Amino acid sequence: MTDSIRVLIVDDHPMVAQGIQSVLEDHEGISVVGTLGTGRAVIDQLDSFDPDVILMDLNMPEMGGLTATELLLEKRPGTRILILSMHDSPEYISSALSHGAMGYVLKDVPTEEIAKAVETVMKGERYLCIGAEGAIAPKRADGAGALTGREQTILLQLAQGLSNKEVANALDISVRTVETHRKNIKRKLGISSTAGLTRYALEHGVLQGTGNAL
């Protein structure tokens, strides 16, 4: 079992979580390390469960799945997060992907597909169930749409000439976290330099109204 994929299920409906757990535990190579009912709980208990993949519901009390996803990836960027939801609208799916989720699976998919999705994101590959595939195209058309809210905030500050340390102090996060965000922003926008980020921010109106942005 040492090579099993460690999965944490986060869903505020116990019967749903138990059903998914039952399905995954019957699948060789996957080990369910626990279930939690809120996004806040997974933030607080991430280290104790030490999951490889998190199956995350979207709508939960205290903290929803999107906010939890963004905060989890700031805390531990290597965690694979797979959204498991009943919502099939492009807006939900695109938003989940832009917040850093590696995949999106609808709750009504065949049980084997959930296990397949877990295995796929564990390899570092994106997974969308058939009902979700069409939602990714619009986000690829505009790089800015692919940035999370936190990445847009950091892009704004970098474009204003702040250093990584200054951004870290302003947002109360580590310099390493800023560096990770900076790399992700450059990758998503296809930009290799800070000057390029500034030019992009100017051309796309990111620097407009900065007096109220910080």
N, C-alpha and C. Protein backbone atom coordinates (compact mmCIF):
# COMPACT_ATOMS: atom_id res chain seq x y z
N MET A 1 0.80 -1.20 0.00
CA MET A 1 0.00 0.00 0.00
C MET A 1 0.85 1.28 0.00
N THR A 2 2.17 1.12 0.11
CA THR A 2 3.02 2.31 0.20
C THR A 2 2.98 3.14 -1.08
N ASP A 3 2.66 2.51 -2.21
CA ASP A 3 2.60 3.24 -3.48
C ASP A 3 1.19 3.68 -3.82
N SER A 4 0.24 3.46 -2.94
CA SER A 4 -1.13 3.85 -3.21
C SER A 4 -1.27 5.37 -3.28
N ILE A 5 -2.19 5.83 -4.11
CA ILE A 5 -2.51 7.25 -4.19
C ILE A 5 -3.36 7.61 -2.98
N ARG A 6 -2.88 8.55 -2.19
CA ARG A 6 -3.60 8.96 -0.97
C ARG A 6 -4.64 10.02 -1.33
N VAL A 7 -5.91 9.68 -1.12
CA VAL A 7 -7.02 10.55 -1.52
C VAL A 7 -7.77 11.04 -0.29
N LEU A 8 -8.03 12.34 -0.26
CA LEU A 8 -8.86 12.95 0.78
C LEU A 8 -10.13 13.46 0.12
N ILE A 9 -11.29 13.08 0.67
CA ILE A 9 -12.59 13.48 0.12
C ILE A 9 -13.16 14.61 0.95
N VAL A 10 -13.52 15.72 0.28
CA VAL A 10 -14.07 16.89 0.98
C VAL A 10 -15.45 17.19 0.41
N ASP A 11 -16.49 16.85 1.17
CA ASP A 11 -17.87 17.02 0.74
C ASP A 11 -18.74 17.14 1.98
N ASP A 12 -19.67 18.10 1.98
CA ASP A 12 -20.48 18.32 3.17
C ASP A 12 -21.69 17.39 3.27
N HIS A 13 -21.83 16.47 2.32
CA HIS A 13 -22.89 15.47 2.38
C HIS A 13 -22.26 14.12 2.75
N PRO A 14 -22.42 13.67 3.98
CA PRO A 14 -21.77 12.43 4.43
C PRO A 14 -22.06 11.22 3.56
N MET A 15 -23.30 11.09 3.08
CA MET A 15 -23.65 9.92 2.26
C MET A 15 -22.89 9.94 0.94
N VAL A 16 -22.71 11.13 0.37
CA VAL A 16 -21.95 11.25 -0.88
C VAL A 16 -20.50 10.87 -0.64
N ALA A 17 -19.92 11.43 0.44
CA ALA A 17 -18.52 11.15 0.76
C ALA A 17 -18.30 9.66 1.01
N GLN A 18 -19.22 9.05 1.76
CA GLN A 18 -19.09 7.63 2.06
C GLN A 18 -19.22 6.77 0.81
N GLY A 19 -20.12 7.19 -0.09
CA GLY A 19 -20.29 6.45 -1.34
C GLY A 19 -19.05 6.49 -2.21
N ILE A 20 -18.45 7.68 -2.31
CA ILE A 20 -17.22 7.83 -3.10
C ILE A 20 -16.09 7.04 -2.45
N GLN A 21 -16.02 7.11 -1.13
CA GLN A 21 -14.98 6.37 -0.41
C GLN A 21 -15.10 4.88 -0.67
N SER A 22 -16.32 4.36 -0.64
CA SER A 22 -16.54 2.93 -0.88
C SER A 22 -16.08 2.53 -2.27
N VAL A 23 -16.37 3.39 -3.25
CA VAL A 23 -15.98 3.11 -4.63
C VAL A 23 -14.46 3.08 -4.76
N LEU A 24 -13.80 4.09 -4.21
CA LEU A 24 -12.36 4.22 -4.38
C LEU A 24 -11.59 3.17 -3.60
N GLU A 25 -12.10 2.78 -2.44
CA GLU A 25 -11.38 1.79 -1.65
C GLU A 25 -11.39 0.40 -2.28
N ASP A 26 -12.33 0.18 -3.20
CA ASP A 26 -12.36 -1.08 -3.94
C ASP A 26 -11.41 -1.07 -5.13
N HIS A 27 -10.79 0.08 -5.37
CA HIS A 27 -9.92 0.23 -6.53
C HIS A 27 -8.47 0.06 -6.11
N GLU A 28 -7.80 -0.90 -6.68
CA GLU A 28 -6.39 -1.15 -6.34
C GLU A 28 -5.52 0.05 -6.68
N GLY A 29 -4.67 0.42 -5.75
CA GLY A 29 -3.76 1.53 -6.00
C GLY A 29 -4.25 2.85 -5.46
N ILE A 30 -5.45 2.87 -4.84
CA ILE A 30 -5.98 4.10 -4.26
C ILE A 30 -6.33 3.84 -2.80
N SER A 31 -5.92 4.76 -1.93
CA SER A 31 -6.21 4.66 -0.50
C SER A 31 -6.87 5.94 -0.03
N VAL A 32 -8.08 5.85 0.51
CA VAL A 32 -8.77 7.02 1.04
C VAL A 32 -8.29 7.27 2.46
N VAL A 33 -7.66 8.43 2.68
CA VAL A 33 -7.07 8.71 3.99
C VAL A 33 -8.05 9.41 4.93
N GLY A 34 -9.20 9.85 4.39
CA GLY A 34 -10.19 10.48 5.25
C GLY A 34 -11.24 11.24 4.47
N THR A 35 -12.26 11.71 5.19
CA THR A 35 -13.30 12.56 4.61
C THR A 35 -13.52 13.77 5.52
N LEU A 36 -13.76 14.92 4.90
CA LEU A 36 -14.02 16.15 5.64
C LEU A 36 -15.24 16.84 5.04
N GLY A 37 -15.87 17.72 5.83
CA GLY A 37 -17.12 18.32 5.39
C GLY A 37 -17.08 19.77 5.00
N THR A 38 -15.93 20.44 5.16
CA THR A 38 -15.84 21.86 4.80
C THR A 38 -14.48 22.19 4.22
N GLY A 39 -14.44 23.27 3.46
CA GLY A 39 -13.17 23.74 2.92
C GLY A 39 -12.24 24.21 4.03
N ARG A 40 -12.80 24.82 5.06
CA ARG A 40 -11.97 25.28 6.17
C ARG A 40 -11.29 24.11 6.86
N ALA A 41 -12.01 23.00 7.01
CA ALA A 41 -11.45 21.82 7.68
C ALA A 41 -10.24 21.28 6.92
N VAL A 42 -10.30 21.26 5.60
CA VAL A 42 -9.17 20.71 4.83
C VAL A 42 -7.97 21.64 4.90
N ILE A 43 -8.20 22.96 4.98
CA ILE A 43 -7.09 23.89 5.16
C ILE A 43 -6.39 23.63 6.49
N ASP A 44 -7.19 23.45 7.54
CA ASP A 44 -6.64 23.27 8.88
C ASP A 44 -5.97 21.92 9.08
N GLN A 45 -6.44 20.89 8.36
CA GLN A 45 -5.98 19.53 8.62
C GLN A 45 -5.17 18.92 7.47
N LEU A 46 -4.77 19.74 6.53
CA LEU A 46 -4.05 19.24 5.36
C LEU A 46 -2.83 18.42 5.73
N ASP A 47 -2.02 18.93 6.62
CA ASP A 47 -0.76 18.26 6.96
C ASP A 47 -0.99 16.91 7.65
N SER A 48 -2.04 16.82 8.46
CA SER A 48 -2.28 15.57 9.18
C SER A 48 -2.74 14.46 8.25
N PHE A 49 -3.44 14.80 7.16
CA PHE A 49 -3.89 13.78 6.21
C PHE A 49 -2.85 13.52 5.12
N ASP A 50 -2.08 14.55 4.75
CA ASP A 50 -1.02 14.43 3.75
C ASP A 50 -1.49 13.73 2.47
N PRO A 51 -2.55 14.25 1.82
CA PRO A 51 -3.07 13.60 0.63
C PRO A 51 -2.26 13.89 -0.63
N ASP A 52 -2.31 12.97 -1.58
CA ASP A 52 -1.76 13.23 -2.92
C ASP A 52 -2.80 13.94 -3.78
N VAL A 53 -4.05 13.51 -3.65
CA VAL A 53 -5.16 14.05 -4.44
C VAL A 53 -6.31 14.39 -3.49
N ILE A 54 -6.92 15.55 -3.71
CA ILE A 54 -8.08 15.94 -2.93
C ILE A 54 -9.29 16.00 -3.86
N LEU A 55 -10.33 15.25 -3.52
CA LEU A 55 -11.61 15.32 -4.23
C LEU A 55 -12.44 16.39 -3.53
N MET A 56 -12.74 17.48 -4.21
CA MET A 56 -13.32 18.66 -3.58
C MET A 56 -14.69 19.01 -4.15
N ASP A 57 -15.67 19.11 -3.26
CA ASP A 57 -16.98 19.63 -3.66
C ASP A 57 -16.87 21.15 -3.80
N LEU A 58 -17.81 21.76 -4.52
CA LEU A 58 -17.76 23.21 -4.70
C LEU A 58 -18.51 23.97 -3.62
N ASN A 59 -19.77 23.61 -3.39
CA ASN A 59 -20.61 24.35 -2.46
C ASN A 59 -20.62 23.69 -1.09
N MET A 60 -19.94 24.33 -0.14
CA MET A 60 -19.86 23.81 1.23
C MET A 60 -19.96 24.96 2.21
N PRO A 61 -20.41 24.69 3.44
CA PRO A 61 -20.47 25.75 4.45
C PRO A 61 -19.08 26.19 4.89
N GLU A 62 -19.02 27.39 5.49
CA GLU A 62 -17.80 27.99 6.02
C GLU A 62 -16.84 28.45 4.92
N MET A 63 -16.49 27.54 4.02
CA MET A 63 -15.59 27.90 2.92
C MET A 63 -15.86 26.98 1.74
N GLY A 64 -16.13 27.57 0.58
CA GLY A 64 -16.43 26.79 -0.61
C GLY A 64 -15.19 26.17 -1.23
N GLY A 65 -15.41 25.32 -2.20
CA GLY A 65 -14.33 24.59 -2.83
C GLY A 65 -13.35 25.43 -3.60
N LEU A 66 -13.81 26.52 -4.22
CA LEU A 66 -12.91 27.36 -5.01
C LEU A 66 -11.92 28.10 -4.12
N THR A 67 -12.42 28.70 -3.05
CA THR A 67 -11.53 29.39 -2.12
C THR A 67 -10.56 28.41 -1.48
N ALA A 68 -11.09 27.25 -1.08
CA ALA A 68 -10.23 26.24 -0.46
C ALA A 68 -9.14 25.78 -1.43
N THR A 69 -9.49 25.61 -2.69
CA THR A 69 -8.52 25.19 -3.69
C THR A 69 -7.38 26.19 -3.80
N GLU A 70 -7.72 27.46 -3.90
CA GLU A 70 -6.68 28.49 -4.05
C GLU A 70 -5.77 28.54 -2.82
N LEU A 71 -6.36 28.46 -1.63
CA LEU A 71 -5.56 28.52 -0.41
C LEU A 71 -4.70 27.27 -0.23
N LEU A 72 -5.24 26.13 -0.60
CA LEU A 72 -4.48 24.89 -0.50
C LEU A 72 -3.25 24.92 -1.40
N LEU A 73 -3.42 25.44 -2.60
CA LEU A 73 -2.31 25.47 -3.55
C LEU A 73 -1.26 26.50 -3.14
N GLU A 74 -1.67 27.53 -2.41
CA GLU A 74 -0.69 28.46 -1.85
C GLU A 74 0.13 27.77 -0.75
N LYS A 75 -0.57 26.96 0.03
CA LYS A 75 0.07 26.27 1.15
C LYS A 75 0.95 25.13 0.68
N ARG A 76 0.46 24.37 -0.32
CA ARG A 76 1.24 23.24 -0.84
C ARG A 76 0.96 23.09 -2.33
N PRO A 77 1.74 23.77 -3.16
CA PRO A 77 1.48 23.83 -4.60
C PRO A 77 1.42 22.47 -5.30
N GLY A 78 2.07 21.45 -4.76
CA GLY A 78 2.10 20.17 -5.44
C GLY A 78 0.86 19.31 -5.27
N THR A 79 -0.10 19.76 -4.47
CA THR A 79 -1.31 18.98 -4.25
C THR A 79 -2.20 18.98 -5.48
N ARG A 80 -2.68 17.81 -5.86
CA ARG A 80 -3.61 17.71 -6.99
C ARG A 80 -5.04 17.82 -6.46
N ILE A 81 -5.79 18.76 -7.02
CA ILE A 81 -7.18 18.95 -6.58
C ILE A 81 -8.12 18.65 -7.74
N LEU A 82 -9.05 17.77 -7.47
CA LEU A 82 -10.02 17.31 -8.46
C LEU A 82 -11.41 17.70 -7.96
N ILE A 83 -12.08 18.56 -8.71
CA ILE A 83 -13.43 18.98 -8.32
C ILE A 83 -14.43 17.91 -8.70
N LEU A 84 -15.26 17.54 -7.75
CA LEU A 84 -16.33 16.56 -7.97
C LEU A 84 -17.63 17.26 -7.62
N SER A 85 -18.44 17.58 -8.63
CA SER A 85 -19.59 18.45 -8.41
C SER A 85 -20.80 18.02 -9.22
N MET A 86 -21.95 18.50 -8.81
CA MET A 86 -23.19 18.26 -9.55
C MET A 86 -23.41 19.34 -10.61
N HIS A 87 -22.65 20.42 -10.54
CA HIS A 87 -22.84 21.55 -11.46
C HIS A 87 -22.10 21.31 -12.78
N ASP A 88 -22.82 21.42 -13.89
CA ASP A 88 -22.20 21.15 -15.19
C ASP A 88 -22.14 22.39 -16.09
N SER A 89 -22.36 23.59 -15.52
CA SER A 89 -22.33 24.79 -16.34
C SER A 89 -20.89 25.18 -16.66
N PRO A 90 -20.65 25.74 -17.84
CA PRO A 90 -19.28 26.16 -18.22
C PRO A 90 -18.67 27.12 -17.21
N GLU A 91 -19.52 27.99 -16.61
CA GLU A 91 -18.99 28.97 -15.65
C GLU A 91 -18.38 28.29 -14.44
N TYR A 92 -19.07 27.29 -13.90
CA TYR A 92 -18.53 26.57 -12.74
C TYR A 92 -17.22 25.86 -13.10
N ILE A 93 -17.23 25.18 -14.24
CA ILE A 93 -16.08 24.38 -14.63
C ILE A 93 -14.87 25.25 -14.92
N SER A 94 -15.08 26.31 -15.71
CA SER A 94 -13.98 27.21 -16.04
C SER A 94 -13.41 27.89 -14.80
N SER A 95 -14.29 28.28 -13.89
CA SER A 95 -13.84 28.92 -12.67
C SER A 95 -13.00 27.98 -11.82
N ALA A 96 -13.42 26.71 -11.74
CA ALA A 96 -12.66 25.72 -10.98
C ALA A 96 -11.26 25.55 -11.55
N LEU A 97 -11.16 25.47 -12.86
CA LEU A 97 -9.86 25.29 -13.52
C LEU A 97 -8.98 26.52 -13.33
N SER A 98 -9.59 27.70 -13.41
CA SER A 98 -8.80 28.93 -13.27
C SER A 98 -8.28 29.11 -11.84
N HIS A 99 -8.95 28.49 -10.88
CA HIS A 99 -8.50 28.56 -9.49
C HIS A 99 -7.42 27.52 -9.18
N GLY A 100 -7.08 26.69 -10.16
CA GLY A 100 -5.97 25.77 -9.97
C GLY A 100 -6.32 24.29 -9.90
N ALA A 101 -7.62 23.96 -9.98
CA ALA A 101 -8.00 22.54 -9.97
C ALA A 101 -7.44 21.86 -11.21
N MET A 102 -7.02 20.61 -11.06
CA MET A 102 -6.43 19.87 -12.18
C MET A 102 -7.48 19.06 -12.95
N GLY A 103 -8.70 19.04 -12.42
CA GLY A 103 -9.73 18.29 -13.12
C GLY A 103 -11.10 18.60 -12.59
N TYR A 104 -12.11 18.14 -13.33
CA TYR A 104 -13.51 18.39 -12.96
C TYR A 104 -14.32 17.18 -13.40
N VAL A 105 -15.00 16.59 -12.42
CA VAL A 105 -15.80 15.40 -12.69
C VAL A 105 -17.20 15.61 -12.11
N LEU A 106 -18.21 15.29 -12.88
CA LEU A 106 -19.59 15.40 -12.40
C LEU A 106 -19.93 14.20 -11.52
N LYS A 107 -20.77 14.43 -10.52
CA LYS A 107 -21.07 13.38 -9.55
C LYS A 107 -21.87 12.22 -10.14
N ASP A 108 -22.45 12.44 -11.31
CA ASP A 108 -23.25 11.36 -11.89
C ASP A 108 -22.49 10.51 -12.90
N VAL A 109 -21.15 10.66 -12.94
CA VAL A 109 -20.36 9.84 -13.87
C VAL A 109 -20.29 8.40 -13.33
N PRO A 110 -20.00 7.43 -14.19
CA PRO A 110 -19.81 6.06 -13.72
C PRO A 110 -18.70 6.01 -12.67
N THR A 111 -18.85 5.14 -11.70
CA THR A 111 -17.92 5.10 -10.57
C THR A 111 -16.47 4.88 -11.01
N GLU A 112 -16.25 4.08 -12.04
CA GLU A 112 -14.89 3.83 -12.49
C GLU A 112 -14.21 5.09 -13.01
N GLU A 113 -15.02 6.04 -13.49
CA GLU A 113 -14.43 7.26 -14.04
C GLU A 113 -13.81 8.12 -12.94
N ILE A 114 -14.37 8.06 -11.74
CA ILE A 114 -13.79 8.81 -10.62
C ILE A 114 -12.37 8.30 -10.33
N ALA A 115 -12.23 6.99 -10.29
CA ALA A 115 -10.91 6.40 -10.06
C ALA A 115 -9.95 6.76 -11.19
N LYS A 116 -10.43 6.75 -12.42
CA LYS A 116 -9.60 7.11 -13.57
C LYS A 116 -9.15 8.57 -13.47
N ALA A 117 -10.06 9.44 -13.02
CA ALA A 117 -9.73 10.85 -12.87
C ALA A 117 -8.64 11.04 -11.82
N VAL A 118 -8.76 10.31 -10.71
CA VAL A 118 -7.75 10.39 -9.64
C VAL A 118 -6.38 9.97 -10.18
N GLU A 119 -6.34 8.87 -10.90
CA GLU A 119 -5.07 8.38 -11.44
C GLU A 119 -4.48 9.35 -12.45
N THR A 120 -5.34 10.00 -13.23
CA THR A 120 -4.87 10.92 -14.27
C THR A 120 -4.24 12.17 -13.66
N VAL A 121 -4.92 12.80 -12.69
CA VAL A 121 -4.36 14.01 -12.10
C VAL A 121 -3.12 13.69 -11.27
N MET A 122 -3.05 12.48 -10.74
CA MET A 122 -1.87 12.09 -9.98
C MET A 122 -0.62 12.08 -10.88
N LYS A 123 -0.82 11.83 -12.17
CA LYS A 123 0.28 11.85 -13.13
C LYS A 123 0.66 13.27 -13.54
N GLY A 124 -0.09 14.25 -13.03
CA GLY A 124 0.17 15.63 -13.41
C GLY A 124 -0.58 16.07 -14.65
N GLU A 125 -1.56 15.27 -15.07
CA GLU A 125 -2.33 15.58 -16.27
C GLU A 125 -3.72 16.08 -15.91
N ARG A 126 -4.26 16.97 -16.71
CA ARG A 126 -5.60 17.49 -16.47
C ARG A 126 -6.65 16.45 -16.87
N TYR A 127 -7.74 16.39 -16.11
CA TYR A 127 -8.81 15.46 -16.44
C TYR A 127 -10.16 16.17 -16.40
N LEU A 128 -10.88 16.09 -17.51
CA LEU A 128 -12.24 16.59 -17.58
C LEU A 128 -13.15 15.46 -18.04
N CYS A 129 -14.26 15.25 -17.33
CA CYS A 129 -15.22 14.27 -17.80
C CYS A 129 -15.86 14.79 -19.08
N ILE A 130 -16.54 13.94 -19.80
CA ILE A 130 -17.09 14.32 -21.11
C ILE A 130 -17.98 15.55 -21.00
N GLY A 131 -18.77 15.65 -19.96
CA GLY A 131 -19.68 16.78 -19.80
C GLY A 131 -18.98 18.09 -19.49
N ALA A 132 -17.69 18.03 -19.15
CA ALA A 132 -16.96 19.23 -18.76
C ALA A 132 -15.95 19.69 -19.81
N GLU A 133 -15.70 18.89 -20.83
CA GLU A 133 -14.61 19.18 -21.77
C GLU A 133 -14.77 20.51 -22.50
N GLY A 134 -16.00 20.90 -22.81
CA GLY A 134 -16.20 22.11 -23.59
C GLY A 134 -15.91 23.40 -22.85
N ALA A 135 -15.76 23.34 -21.54
CA ALA A 135 -15.62 24.56 -20.75
C ALA A 135 -14.22 25.14 -20.77
N ILE A 136 -13.23 24.37 -21.16
CA ILE A 136 -11.84 24.84 -21.07
C ILE A 136 -11.46 25.77 -22.21
N ALA A 137 -12.08 25.63 -23.38
CA ALA A 137 -11.69 26.41 -24.56
C ALA A 137 -11.78 27.92 -24.36
N PRO A 138 -12.86 28.47 -23.78
CA PRO A 138 -12.93 29.92 -23.64
C PRO A 138 -11.80 30.50 -22.80
N LYS A 139 -11.33 29.77 -21.79
CA LYS A 139 -10.27 30.30 -20.95
C LYS A 139 -8.93 30.34 -21.66
N ARG A 140 -8.75 29.48 -22.64
CA ARG A 140 -7.48 29.49 -23.38
C ARG A 140 -7.42 30.65 -24.36
N ALA A 141 -8.57 31.22 -24.69
CA ALA A 141 -8.59 32.31 -25.65
C ALA A 141 -8.03 33.60 -25.07
N ASP A 142 -8.09 33.74 -23.74
CA ASP A 142 -7.62 34.96 -23.10
C ASP A 142 -6.81 34.58 -21.88
N GLY A 143 -5.50 34.84 -21.92
CA GLY A 143 -4.64 34.43 -20.82
C GLY A 143 -5.05 35.02 -19.49
N ALA A 144 -5.56 36.27 -19.48
CA ALA A 144 -5.93 36.89 -18.22
C ALA A 144 -7.03 36.11 -17.53
N GLY A 145 -7.92 35.50 -18.30
CA GLY A 145 -9.02 34.74 -17.73
C GLY A 145 -8.55 33.51 -16.99
N ALA A 146 -7.33 33.05 -17.29
CA ALA A 146 -6.81 31.85 -16.67
C ALA A 146 -6.17 32.14 -15.32
N LEU A 147 -5.97 33.41 -14.98
CA LEU A 147 -5.34 33.76 -13.71
C LEU A 147 -6.36 33.71 -12.57
N THR A 148 -5.95 33.19 -11.44
CA THR A 148 -6.79 33.21 -10.25
C THR A 148 -6.84 34.63 -9.70
N GLY A 149 -7.76 34.86 -8.76
CA GLY A 149 -7.86 36.18 -8.16
C GLY A 149 -6.56 36.60 -7.50
N ARG A 150 -5.92 35.67 -6.80
CA ARG A 150 -4.67 35.99 -6.13
C ARG A 150 -3.57 36.31 -7.16
N GLU A 151 -3.53 35.55 -8.26
CA GLU A 151 -2.53 35.80 -9.30
C GLU A 151 -2.74 37.17 -9.94
N GLN A 152 -4.00 37.58 -10.13
CA GLN A 152 -4.26 38.90 -10.69
C GLN A 152 -3.79 40.00 -9.74
N THR A 153 -3.98 39.78 -8.44
CA THR A 153 -3.51 40.75 -7.45
C THR A 153 -1.99 40.86 -7.50
N ILE A 154 -1.32 39.72 -7.58
CA ILE A 154 0.14 39.72 -7.61
C ILE A 154 0.65 40.32 -8.92
N LEU A 155 -0.03 40.02 -10.03
CA LEU A 155 0.35 40.62 -11.32
C LEU A 155 0.29 42.14 -11.22
N LEU A 156 -0.75 42.66 -10.61
CA LEU A 156 -0.90 44.11 -10.45
C LEU A 156 0.27 44.69 -9.68
N GLN A 157 0.64 44.05 -8.59
CA GLN A 157 1.71 44.58 -7.75
C GLN A 157 3.08 44.47 -8.43
N LEU A 158 3.30 43.36 -9.11
CA LEU A 158 4.56 43.20 -9.84
C LEU A 158 4.68 44.24 -10.95
N ALA A 159 3.55 44.49 -11.61
CA ALA A 159 3.55 45.45 -12.71
C ALA A 159 3.81 46.87 -12.21
N GLN A 160 3.52 47.11 -10.94
CA GLN A 160 3.79 48.43 -10.35
C GLN A 160 5.23 48.55 -9.86
N GLY A 161 6.01 47.48 -10.04
CA GLY A 161 7.43 47.53 -9.71
C GLY A 161 7.80 47.00 -8.35
N LEU A 162 6.85 46.39 -7.63
CA LEU A 162 7.16 45.84 -6.31
C LEU A 162 8.02 44.59 -6.46
N SER A 163 8.93 44.40 -5.52
CA SER A 163 9.76 43.19 -5.50
C SER A 163 8.98 42.03 -4.91
N ASN A 164 9.53 40.82 -5.05
CA ASN A 164 8.87 39.65 -4.46
C ASN A 164 8.68 39.83 -2.96
N LYS A 165 9.70 40.37 -2.29
CA LYS A 165 9.63 40.56 -0.84
C LYS A 165 8.55 41.58 -0.48
N GLU A 166 8.46 42.65 -1.26
CA GLU A 166 7.45 43.67 -0.98
C GLU A 166 6.04 43.13 -1.19
N VAL A 167 5.86 42.32 -2.22
CA VAL A 167 4.56 41.70 -2.46
C VAL A 167 4.22 40.75 -1.32
N ALA A 168 5.20 39.96 -0.90
CA ALA A 168 4.99 39.02 0.20
C ALA A 168 4.56 39.74 1.47
N ASN A 169 5.22 40.86 1.77
CA ASN A 169 4.87 41.64 2.96
C ASN A 169 3.47 42.23 2.85
N ALA A 170 3.12 42.71 1.67
CA ALA A 170 1.81 43.33 1.46
C ALA A 170 0.67 42.34 1.60
N LEU A 171 0.90 41.10 1.17
CA LEU A 171 -0.16 40.08 1.17
C LEU A 171 -0.04 39.11 2.34
N ASP A 172 0.99 39.29 3.15
CA ASP A 172 1.23 38.43 4.31
C ASP A 172 1.39 36.96 3.90
N ILE A 173 2.19 36.76 2.88
CA ILE A 173 2.52 35.41 2.43
C ILE A 173 4.04 35.31 2.31
N SER A 174 4.54 34.11 2.07
CA SER A 174 5.99 33.94 1.99
C SER A 174 6.53 34.39 0.64
N VAL A 175 7.81 34.73 0.62
CA VAL A 175 8.47 35.11 -0.63
C VAL A 175 8.43 33.93 -1.61
N ARG A 176 8.58 32.73 -1.08
CA ARG A 176 8.54 31.53 -1.93
C ARG A 176 7.19 31.40 -2.62
N THR A 177 6.10 31.71 -1.89
CA THR A 177 4.77 31.64 -2.48
C THR A 177 4.63 32.66 -3.61
N VAL A 178 5.17 33.86 -3.39
CA VAL A 178 5.14 34.89 -4.44
C VAL A 178 5.90 34.41 -5.67
N GLU A 179 7.06 33.81 -5.45
CA GLU A 179 7.86 33.31 -6.57
C GLU A 179 7.11 32.25 -7.36
N THR A 180 6.40 31.37 -6.63
CA THR A 180 5.61 30.33 -7.30
C THR A 180 4.51 30.95 -8.14
N HIS A 181 3.82 31.93 -7.56
CA HIS A 181 2.76 32.62 -8.31
C HIS A 181 3.34 33.32 -9.54
N ARG A 182 4.48 33.95 -9.36
CA ARG A 182 5.12 34.69 -10.46
C ARG A 182 5.43 33.75 -11.63
N LYS A 183 5.97 32.57 -11.31
CA LYS A 183 6.26 31.58 -12.35
C LYS A 183 4.98 31.13 -13.05
N ASN A 184 3.93 30.90 -12.26
CA ASN A 184 2.66 30.45 -12.84
C ASN A 184 2.04 31.52 -13.74
N ILE A 185 2.13 32.78 -13.31
CA ILE A 185 1.60 33.88 -14.11
C ILE A 185 2.33 33.97 -15.45
N LYS A 186 3.66 33.89 -15.41
CA LYS A 186 4.44 33.96 -16.64
C LYS A 186 4.11 32.79 -17.57
N ARG A 187 3.95 31.60 -16.97
CA ARG A 187 3.63 30.42 -17.77
C ARG A 187 2.26 30.56 -18.43
N LYS A 188 1.27 30.99 -17.66
CA LYS A 188 -0.09 31.10 -18.18
C LYS A 188 -0.20 32.16 -19.27
N LEU A 189 0.54 33.27 -19.09
CA LEU A 189 0.45 34.37 -20.05
C LEU A 189 1.47 34.24 -21.18
N GLY A 190 2.40 33.29 -21.05
CA GLY A 190 3.42 33.13 -22.08
C GLY A 190 4.40 34.29 -22.10
N ILE A 191 4.70 34.82 -20.91
CA ILE A 191 5.59 35.98 -20.77
C ILE A 191 6.81 35.57 -19.96
N SER A 192 8.00 36.00 -20.39
CA SER A 192 9.22 35.53 -19.74
C SER A 192 9.91 36.58 -18.88
N SER A 193 9.48 37.84 -18.94
CA SER A 193 10.19 38.89 -18.21
C SER A 193 9.23 39.76 -17.41
N THR A 194 9.78 40.45 -16.41
CA THR A 194 8.98 41.38 -15.62
C THR A 194 8.50 42.55 -16.47
N ALA A 195 9.35 42.99 -17.39
CA ALA A 195 8.95 44.07 -18.30
C ALA A 195 7.75 43.64 -19.14
N GLY A 196 7.76 42.36 -19.53
CA GLY A 196 6.64 41.83 -20.30
C GLY A 196 5.36 41.82 -19.49
N LEU A 197 5.47 41.51 -18.19
CA LEU A 197 4.30 41.53 -17.32
C LEU A 197 3.74 42.95 -17.21
N THR A 198 4.64 43.91 -17.07
CA THR A 198 4.20 45.31 -16.97
C THR A 198 3.50 45.75 -18.25
N ARG A 199 4.09 45.41 -19.39
CA ARG A 199 3.49 45.76 -20.68
C ARG A 199 2.12 45.11 -20.84
N TYR A 200 2.02 43.83 -20.44
CA TYR A 200 0.73 43.12 -20.52
C TYR A 200 -0.31 43.82 -19.65
N ALA A 201 0.10 44.20 -18.41
CA ALA A 201 -0.82 44.85 -17.49
C ALA A 201 -1.34 46.17 -18.06
N LEU A 202 -0.45 46.93 -18.70
CA LEU A 202 -0.85 48.20 -19.31
C LEU A 202 -1.80 47.98 -20.48
N GLU A 203 -1.47 47.02 -21.34
CA GLU A 203 -2.27 46.77 -22.54
C GLU A 203 -3.65 46.22 -22.22
N HIS A 204 -3.77 45.50 -21.08
CA HIS A 204 -5.05 44.88 -20.74
C HIS A 204 -5.79 45.60 -19.62
N GLY A 205 -5.36 46.80 -19.29
CA GLY A 205 -6.08 47.60 -18.32
C GLY A 205 -5.93 47.17 -16.88
N VAL A 206 -4.96 46.30 -16.59
CA VAL A 206 -4.78 45.82 -15.23
C VAL A 206 -4.38 46.96 -14.30
N LEU A 207 -3.62 47.94 -14.81
CA LEU A 207 -3.13 49.03 -13.99
C LEU A 207 -4.11 50.19 -13.87
N GLN A 208 -5.28 50.08 -14.49
CA GLN A 208 -6.26 51.13 -14.38
C GLN A 208 -6.89 51.10 -13.00
N GLY A 209 -7.09 52.24 -12.40
CA GLY A 209 -7.73 52.31 -11.10
C GLY A 209 -6.94 51.68 -9.99
N THR A 210 -5.64 51.77 -10.07
CA THR A 210 -4.80 51.12 -9.06
C THR A 210 -4.91 51.77 -7.69
N GLY A 211 -5.43 52.96 -7.63
CA GLY A 211 -5.55 53.59 -6.33
C GLY A 211 -6.47 52.83 -5.41
N ASN A 212 -7.43 52.07 -5.94
CA ASN A 212 -8.34 51.31 -5.13
C ASN A 212 -8.03 49.84 -5.13
N ALA A 213 -6.96 49.46 -5.80
CA ALA A 213 -6.72 48.04 -5.99
C ALA A 213 -5.92 47.42 -4.84
N LEU A 214 -5.14 48.22 -4.14
CA LEU A 214 -4.25 47.68 -3.12
C LEU A 214 -4.79 47.97 -1.73
